[in-house]
Amino acid sequence: QLQLVESGGDLVQPGGSLRLSCSTSGDSLGAYAIGWFRQVPGKEREEVSCISGGGGSASYASSVKGRFTIAKDNAKNTVYLQMNSLKLEDTGVYYCARRESEQNLGGVLQCFGVFGSWGQGTQVVVSS
């Protein structure tokens, strides 16, 4: 079973940058679509971004589009989330997960479901 571990969270000032990592020491990421999610206390966990199994397509929540970039390095079995121009509302615990399926229609990637259980996540705090 693919076990993913998140890292890279930190305290950062508004406007700053962070790079989160989602790594596996077990199975290869292979052709799995991988998504990043975040959760704030009292709110539902929301999808932030997803990258296709092949790594050639990505999708982003409207709230992070243009600021976050997801990338997949199959050689390192790692998916990254580069977060720039961070805002206070980006604060939360960030999780990565294997997606159950993906669909690409007209260049628009959609990822569905989450396979397996959630990991520990990594805490991002954006504060001045």
Protein backbone atom coordinates (compact mmCIF):
# COMPACT_ATOMS: atom_id res chain seq x y z
CA GLN A 1 0.00 0.00 0.00
CA LEU A 2 1.24 3.43 -0.90
CA GLN A 3 2.14 5.34 2.27
CA LEU A 4 2.72 9.04 1.86
CA VAL A 5 4.49 11.35 4.29
CA GLU A 6 4.11 15.12 4.21
CA SER A 7 6.82 17.56 5.23
CA GLY A 8 7.95 21.13 4.77
CA GLY A 9 5.36 23.01 6.77
CA ASP A 10 6.52 26.01 8.75
CA LEU A 11 5.66 29.44 10.07
CA VAL A 12 5.96 32.05 7.34
CA GLN A 13 5.03 35.68 6.93
CA PRO A 14 2.38 36.81 4.45
CA GLY A 15 3.91 37.07 1.01
CA GLY A 16 6.45 34.40 1.78
CA SER A 17 7.03 31.01 0.19
CA LEU A 18 7.19 27.39 1.25
CA ARG A 19 7.71 24.12 -0.53
CA LEU A 20 5.89 21.09 0.79
CA SER A 21 6.97 17.56 0.02
CA CYS A 22 4.92 14.39 -0.22
CA SER A 23 7.15 11.34 -0.23
CA THR A 24 6.87 7.59 -0.14
CA SER A 25 9.47 5.10 0.97
CA GLY A 26 7.37 2.18 -0.08
CA ASP A 27 5.73 1.71 -3.43
CA SER A 28 6.64 3.94 -6.31
CA LEU A 29 4.37 6.86 -7.07
CA GLY A 30 4.22 5.34 -10.49
CA ALA A 31 1.12 6.30 -12.42
CA TYR A 32 -0.89 7.46 -9.44
CA ALA A 33 -2.55 10.84 -9.42
CA ILE A 34 -1.60 12.64 -6.21
CA GLY A 35 -3.49 15.45 -4.56
CA TRP A 36 -2.74 18.05 -1.91
CA PHE A 37 -5.44 19.00 0.54
CA ARG A 38 -5.63 21.36 3.48
CA GLN A 39 -7.75 21.56 6.56
CA VAL A 40 -8.48 24.37 8.95
CA PRO A 41 -10.07 23.63 12.33
CA GLY A 42 -13.82 23.75 12.04
CA LYS A 43 -13.84 23.48 8.28
CA GLU A 44 -14.01 20.66 5.79
CA ARG A 45 -10.81 19.38 4.28
CA GLU A 46 -10.48 20.97 0.85
CA GLU A 47 -8.56 19.99 -2.24
CA VAL A 48 -5.78 22.42 -3.08
CA SER A 49 -4.21 20.78 -6.09
CA CYS A 50 -3.91 17.53 -7.99
CA ILE A 51 -1.33 16.22 -10.43
CA SER A 52 -2.01 13.49 -12.95
CA GLY A 53 -0.33 10.11 -12.82
CA GLY A 54 1.90 11.01 -15.73
CA GLY A 55 2.72 14.36 -14.19
CA GLY A 56 1.74 16.30 -17.28
CA SER A 57 -1.50 17.79 -16.02
CA ALA A 58 -2.44 19.62 -12.86
CA SER A 59 -5.45 21.28 -11.33
CA TYR A 60 -5.72 23.94 -8.67
CA ALA A 61 -8.35 25.38 -6.39
CA SER A 62 -9.31 28.86 -7.50
CA SER A 63 -8.02 30.25 -4.20
CA VAL A 64 -4.45 29.15 -4.95
CA LYS A 65 -4.29 29.28 -8.75
CA GLY A 66 -1.36 31.37 -9.89
CA ARG A 67 0.35 31.11 -6.51
CA PHE A 68 0.84 27.38 -5.96
CA THR A 69 2.55 24.91 -8.27
CA ILE A 70 2.42 21.13 -7.97
CA ALA A 71 5.15 18.96 -9.42
CA LYS A 72 5.96 15.27 -9.45
CA ASP A 73 9.43 13.72 -9.38
CA ASN A 74 9.00 10.01 -9.99
CA ALA A 75 12.74 9.39 -9.60
CA LYS A 76 12.54 10.71 -6.04
CA ASN A 77 9.06 9.34 -5.39
CA THR A 78 8.04 12.82 -4.30
CA VAL A 79 5.32 15.29 -5.13
CA TYR A 80 6.01 18.91 -4.30
CA LEU A 81 3.72 21.83 -3.64
CA GLN A 82 5.48 25.13 -4.17
CA MET A 83 3.51 27.85 -2.40
CA ASN A 84 4.28 31.47 -3.20
CA SER A 85 2.68 34.76 -2.16
CA LEU A 86 1.24 33.07 0.89
CA LYS A 87 -1.80 34.59 2.53
CA LEU A 88 -3.18 34.36 6.04
CA GLU A 89 -5.95 32.14 4.75
CA ASP A 90 -3.45 29.56 3.51
CA THR A 91 -2.88 28.56 7.11
CA GLY A 92 -3.81 24.97 7.81
CA VAL A 93 -2.66 21.40 7.94
CA TYR A 94 -1.70 20.15 4.52
CA TYR A 95 -2.13 16.54 3.50
CA CYS A 96 -1.29 14.61 0.38
CA ALA A 97 -3.10 11.55 -0.85
CA ARG A 98 -3.31 9.18 -3.73
CA ARG A 99 -6.39 9.87 -5.82
CA GLU A 100 -8.61 7.00 -6.88
CA SER A 101 -9.00 8.17 -10.44
CA GLU A 102 -8.40 11.05 -12.78
CA GLN A 103 -10.05 12.42 -15.88
CA ASN A 104 -8.72 14.87 -18.39
CA LEU A 105 -11.33 16.48 -20.61
CA GLY A 106 -10.18 19.11 -23.02
CA GLY A 107 -7.06 19.76 -21.01
CA VAL A 108 -8.89 20.12 -17.72
CA LEU A 109 -7.76 17.65 -15.08
CA GLN A 110 -10.21 16.34 -12.52
CA CYS A 111 -9.20 14.02 -9.72
CA PHE A 112 -11.63 11.87 -7.81
CA GLY A 113 -11.68 10.12 -4.49
CA VAL A 114 -8.94 9.45 -2.04
CA PHE A 115 -7.30 6.07 -1.74
CA GLY A 116 -6.16 4.91 1.66
CA SER A 117 -6.02 6.74 4.96
CA TRP A 118 -4.79 10.23 5.76
CA GLY A 119 -1.29 10.80 7.08
CA GLN A 120 -0.16 13.19 9.78
CA GLY A 121 -0.06 16.19 7.50
CA THR A 122 2.27 19.14 7.78
CA GLN A 123 1.34 22.41 9.48
CA VAL A 124 1.55 25.68 7.58
CA VAL A 125 1.07 28.88 9.53
CA VAL A 126 0.99 32.18 7.71
CA SER A 127 1.23 34.97 10.22
CA SER A 128 2.88 38.34 10.66
